[in-house]
C-alpha atoms as a PDB file:
ATOM      1  CA  MET A   1     -30.443  28.914  16.666  1.00  0.00           C
ATOM      2  CA  ASN A   2     -27.573  31.338  16.316  1.00  0.00           C
ATOM      3  CA  SER A   3     -25.174  30.361  13.514  1.00  0.00           C
ATOM      4  CA  CYS A   4     -22.214  31.096  15.801  1.00  0.00           C
ATOM      5  CA  TYR A   5     -23.285  28.543  18.421  1.00  0.00           C
ATOM      6  CA  LEU A   6     -21.105  25.741  17.022  1.00  0.00           C
ATOM      7  CA  LEU A   7     -18.190  28.066  16.389  1.00  0.00           C
ATOM      8  CA  ASP A   8     -18.408  29.603  19.841  1.00  0.00           C
ATOM      9  CA  ARG A   9     -18.800  26.346  21.772  1.00  0.00           C
ATOM     10  CA  HIS A  10     -17.391  23.386  19.828  1.00  0.00           C
ATOM     11  CA  VAL A  11     -14.885  24.302  17.143  1.00  0.00           C
ATOM     12  CA  LYS A  12     -11.917  24.839  19.467  1.00  0.00           C
ATOM     13  CA  GLY A  13     -12.326  21.363  20.942  1.00  0.00           C
ATOM     14  CA  GLN A  14     -12.724  19.814  17.514  1.00  0.00           C
ATOM     15  CA  ILE A  15      -9.583  21.536  16.229  1.00  0.00           C
ATOM     16  CA  GLU A  16      -7.621  20.324  19.255  1.00  0.00           C
ATOM     17  CA  LYS A  17      -8.888  16.772  18.710  1.00  0.00           C
ATOM     18  CA  VAL A  18      -7.936  16.811  15.011  1.00  0.00           C
ATOM     19  CA  ASN A  19      -4.497  18.281  15.738  1.00  0.00           C
ATOM     20  CA  GLN A  20      -3.880  15.633  18.405  1.00  0.00           C
ATOM     21  CA  GLY A  21      -4.788  12.952  15.857  1.00  0.00           C
ATOM     22  CA  TYR A  22      -2.284  14.344  13.351  1.00  0.00           C
ATOM     23  CA  ARG A  23       0.423  14.544  16.028  1.00  0.00           C
ATOM     24  CA  GLU A  24      -0.182  10.901  16.920  1.00  0.00           C
ATOM     25  CA  LYS A  25      -0.093   9.873  13.255  1.00  0.00           C
ATOM     26  CA  ALA A  26       3.199  11.772  12.831  1.00  0.00           C
ATOM     27  CA  ARG A  27       4.684   9.918  15.826  1.00  0.00           C
ATOM     28  CA  MET A  28       3.550   6.559  14.445  1.00  0.00           C
ATOM     29  CA  ALA A  29       4.908   7.377  10.984  1.00  0.00           C
ATOM     30  CA  ARG A  30       8.265   8.392  12.455  1.00  0.00           C
ATOM     31  CA  ARG A  31       8.481   5.182  14.471  1.00  0.00           C
ATOM     32  CA  TRP A  32       7.730   3.144  11.317  1.00  0.00           C
ATOM     33  CA  ILE A  33      10.266   5.156   9.307  1.00  0.00           C
ATOM     34  CA  ASP A  34      12.929   4.321  11.870  1.00  0.00           C
ATOM     35  CA  GLU A  35      11.917   0.640  12.016  1.00  0.00           C
ATOM     36  CA  SER A  36      11.727   0.181   8.248  1.00  0.00           C
ATOM     37  CA  LEU A  37      14.431   2.486   6.932  1.00  0.00           C
ATOM     38  CA  GLY A  38      16.611   3.292   9.938  1.00  0.00           C
ATOM     39  CA  ASP A  39      19.816   1.733   8.589  1.00  0.00           C
ATOM     40  CA  ALA A  40      19.231   3.290   5.152  1.00  0.00           C
ATOM     41  CA  LEU A  41      18.522   6.837   6.396  1.00  0.00           C
ATOM     42  CA  THR A  42      21.058   9.595   6.724  1.00  0.00           C
ATOM     43  CA  HIS A  43      18.503  12.287   7.567  1.00  0.00           C
ATOM     44  CA  CYS A  44      14.804  12.635   8.383  1.00  0.00           C
ATOM     45  CA  SER A  45      12.913  15.879   8.919  1.00  0.00           C
ATOM     46  CA  GLY A  46       9.323  17.011   9.060  1.00  0.00           C
ATOM     47  CA  GLY A  47       6.437  15.563  10.958  1.00  0.00           C
ATOM     48  CA  SER A  48       5.556  18.697  12.878  1.00  0.00           C
ATOM     49  CA  ALA A  49       4.139  21.324  10.556  1.00  0.00           C
ATOM     50  CA  GLY A  50       2.309  19.887   7.607  1.00  0.00           C
ATOM     51  CA  PHE A  51       1.821  16.288   6.688  1.00  0.00           C
ATOM     52  CA  TYR A  52       5.184  15.260   5.271  1.00  0.00           C
ATOM     53  CA  TYR A  53       8.464  13.690   6.184  1.00  0.00           C
ATOM     54  CA  TYR A  54      11.519  14.401   4.073  1.00  0.00           C
ATOM     55  CA  LEU A  55      13.863  11.426   3.999  1.00  0.00           C
ATOM     56  CA  THR A  56      17.458  11.233   2.793  1.00  0.00           C
ATOM     57  CA  LEU A  57      18.654   7.736   1.980  1.00  0.00           C
ATOM     58  CA  ASP A  58      22.250   6.590   2.239  1.00  0.00           C
ATOM     59  CA  GLY A  59      23.429   6.399  -1.379  1.00  0.00           C
ATOM     60  CA  ILE A  60      20.067   5.173  -2.706  1.00  0.00           C
ATOM     61  CA  GLU A  61      18.692   7.305  -5.525  1.00  0.00           C
ATOM     62  CA  THR A  62      14.934   7.936  -5.490  1.00  0.00           C
ATOM     63  CA  GLY A  63      14.319   9.444  -8.941  1.00  0.00           C
ATOM     64  CA  GLU A  64      12.028   7.979 -11.581  1.00  0.00           C
ATOM     65  CA  GLY A  65      14.714   5.913 -13.299  1.00  0.00           C
ATOM     66  CA  SER A  66      16.249   4.546 -10.106  1.00  0.00           C
ATOM     67  CA  PRO A  67      15.866   0.916  -8.990  1.00  0.00           C
ATOM     68  CA  PHE A  68      14.213   2.201  -5.781  1.00  0.00           C
ATOM     69  CA  PHE A  69      11.537   4.077  -7.733  1.00  0.00           C
ATOM     70  CA  ARG A  70      11.018   1.300 -10.283  1.00  0.00           C
ATOM     71  CA  PHE A  71      10.571  -1.255  -7.475  1.00  0.00           C
ATOM     72  CA  LEU A  72       7.918   0.860  -5.773  1.00  0.00           C
ATOM     73  CA  ALA A  73       6.161   1.681  -9.070  1.00  0.00           C
ATOM     74  CA  ARG A  74       6.356  -2.017 -10.090  1.00  0.00           C
ATOM     75  CA  THR A  75       8.094  -1.136 -13.348  1.00  0.00           C
ATOM     76  CA  THR A  76      11.282  -3.205 -13.023  1.00  0.00           C
ATOM     77  CA  GLY A  77      10.329  -5.535 -15.864  1.00  0.00           C
ATOM     78  CA  ASP A  78      10.672  -8.548 -13.555  1.00  0.00           C
ATOM     79  CA  ALA A  79       7.298 -10.218 -12.929  1.00  0.00           C
ATOM     80  CA  THR A  80       8.533 -11.701  -9.638  1.00  0.00           C
ATOM     81  CA  VAL A  81       8.983  -8.134  -8.365  1.00  0.00           C
ATOM     82  CA  ASP A  82       6.275  -6.281 -10.293  1.00  0.00           C
ATOM     83  CA  GLY A  83       3.558  -8.911 -10.387  1.00  0.00           C
ATOM     84  CA  PRO A  84       1.897 -10.077 -13.577  1.00  0.00           C
ATOM     85  CA  PRO A  85       0.581  -7.565 -16.133  1.00  0.00           C
ATOM     86  CA  GLY A  86      -2.871  -6.397 -15.084  1.00  0.00           C
ATOM     87  CA  ALA A  87      -2.336  -7.508 -11.472  1.00  0.00           C
ATOM     88  CA  LYS A  88       0.622  -5.507 -10.211  1.00  0.00           C
ATOM     89  CA  LYS A  89       1.739  -6.021  -6.615  1.00  0.00           C
ATOM     90  CA  PRO A  90       1.016  -3.164  -4.177  1.00  0.00           C
ATOM     91  CA  ARG A  91       2.716   0.054  -5.268  1.00  0.00           C
ATOM     92  CA  VAL A  92       3.923   3.087  -3.369  1.00  0.00           C
ATOM     93  CA  VAL A  93       3.884   6.634  -4.695  1.00  0.00           C
ATOM     94  CA  HIS A  94       6.485   9.039  -3.357  1.00  0.00           C
ATOM     95  CA  ILE A  95       7.779  12.386  -4.508  1.00  0.00           C
ATOM     96  CA  PRO A  96      11.464  12.023  -5.430  1.00  0.00           C
ATOM     97  CA  GLY A  97      13.684  14.626  -3.805  1.00  0.00           C
ATOM     98  CA  GLU A  98      14.878  15.881  -7.170  1.00  0.00           C
ATOM     99  CA  TYR A  99      11.484  17.596  -7.500  1.00  0.00           C
ATOM    100  CA  CYS A 100      11.795  19.239  -4.078  1.00  0.00           C
ATOM    101  CA  VAL A 101      15.031  21.124  -4.758  1.00  0.00           C
ATOM    102  CA  HIS A 102      15.988  23.821  -7.235  1.00  0.00           C
ATOM    103  CA  PRO A 103      17.348  22.099 -10.381  1.00  0.00           C
ATOM    104  CA  LYS A 104      20.405  24.378 -10.418  1.00  0.00           C
ATOM    105  CA  GLY A 105      20.768  24.827  -6.683  1.00  0.00           C
ATOM    106  CA  GLU A 106      23.332  23.514  -4.255  1.00  0.00           C
ATOM    107  CA  LEU A 107      21.067  20.645  -3.101  1.00  0.00           C
ATOM    108  CA  VAL A 108      20.745  18.916  -6.482  1.00  0.00           C
ATOM    109  CA  GLY A 109      23.105  16.089  -5.522  1.00  0.00           C
ATOM    110  CA  ARG A 110      21.437  15.500  -2.179  1.00  0.00           C
ATOM    111  CA  GLY A 111      17.999  15.705  -3.770  1.00  0.00           C
ATOM    112  CA  LYS A 112      18.792  12.594  -5.798  1.00  0.00           C
ATOM    113  CA  THR A 113      18.734  10.497  -2.618  1.00  0.00           C
ATOM    114  CA  GLN A 114      15.748  12.192  -0.978  1.00  0.00           C
ATOM    115  CA  LEU A 115      12.018  11.724  -1.058  1.00  0.00           C
ATOM    116  CA  ARG A 116       8.927  13.327   0.382  1.00  0.00           C
ATOM    117  CA  LEU A 117       6.574  10.981   2.188  1.00  0.00           C
ATOM    118  CA  SER A 118       3.045  12.231   2.770  1.00  0.00           C
ATOM    119  CA  TYR A 119       1.341  10.773   5.836  1.00  0.00           C
ATOM    120  CA  GLY A 120      -1.409  13.272   6.638  1.00  0.00           C
ATOM    121  CA  PHE A 121      -4.316  11.867   4.675  1.00  0.00           C
ATOM    122  CA  GLU A 122      -3.427   8.176   4.475  1.00  0.00           C
ATOM    123  CA  GLU A 123      -4.631   5.486   6.860  1.00  0.00           C
ATOM    124  CA  PRO A 124      -1.962   4.394   9.387  1.00  0.00           C
ATOM    125  CA  GLY A 125      -1.926   0.764   8.240  1.00  0.00           C
ATOM    126  CA  ARG A 126      -1.259   1.820   4.665  1.00  0.00           C
ATOM    127  CA  ILE A 127       1.560   4.129   5.789  1.00  0.00           C
ATOM    128  CA  ARG A 128       3.175   1.247   7.654  1.00  0.00           C
ATOM    129  CA  LYS A 129       2.814  -1.091   4.657  1.00  0.00           C
ATOM    130  CA  ALA A 130       4.292   1.564   2.337  1.00  0.00           C
ATOM    131  CA  LEU A 131       7.337   1.893   4.584  1.00  0.00           C
ATOM    132  CA  GLU A 132       7.779  -1.884   4.627  1.00  0.00           C
ATOM    133  CA  LEU A 133       7.705  -1.831   0.819  1.00  0.00           C
ATOM    134  CA  MET A 134      10.270   0.982   0.874  1.00  0.00           C
ATOM    135  CA  ARG A 135      12.507  -1.269   2.979  1.00  0.00           C
ATOM    136  CA  GLU A 136      12.190  -3.904   0.239  1.00  0.00           C
ATOM    137  CA  ALA A 137      12.942  -1.254  -2.392  1.00  0.00           C
ATOM    138  CA  VAL A 138      16.127  -0.308  -0.515  1.00  0.00           C
ATOM    139  CA  ALA A 139      17.215  -3.966  -0.543  1.00  0.00           C
ATOM    140  CA  PHE A 140      16.393  -4.171  -4.260  1.00  0.00           C
ATOM    141  CA  ALA A 141      18.403  -1.032  -5.009  1.00  0.00           C
ATOM    142  CA  ARG A 142      21.345  -2.220  -2.918  1.00  0.00           C
ATOM    143  CA  ALA A 143      21.318  -5.600  -4.659  1.00  0.00           C
ATOM    144  CA  GLY A 144      21.565  -3.773  -7.954  1.00  0.00           C
ATOM    145  CA  ARG A 145      19.203  -6.155  -9.736  1.00  0.00           C
ATOM    146  CA  ALA A 146      15.788  -7.778  -9.556  1.00  0.00           C
ATOM    147  CA  SER A 147      16.453 -10.931  -7.565  1.00  0.00           C
ATOM    148  CA  LEU A 148      14.837 -10.200  -4.189  1.00  0.00           C
ATOM    149  CA  LEU A 149      12.558 -13.190  -4.040  1.00  0.00           C
END
């Protein structure tokens, strides 16, 4: 069998199928972003080239020391939010926007309220759950303290 057989006859279809799957996942992720974070978002971009959405939250900082980040990392110090030691509640990893902008550039301020959400290699159900947890993190950050529950 010629080694080019698969390339010549099947790869194009497979690539189209994979790309269609990523497009559908991007549409689902965007719908869930809007449902979960719509009132907290000031800007959303991405979802077409690559596997990321870049989100800008309305006055909610996303950096490592922020209430939003600490809620998602389960490092608030409040067991009702974090879960007990050794059995943390589900966590969400995101890339804070401060790491996506030049530290001395004009977007530093905006970067403090941004994050990069990767959706390309995660299962859809886990993406949806992560966005629901982000909604809870927004509420936690807006409340200014641990008492969500």
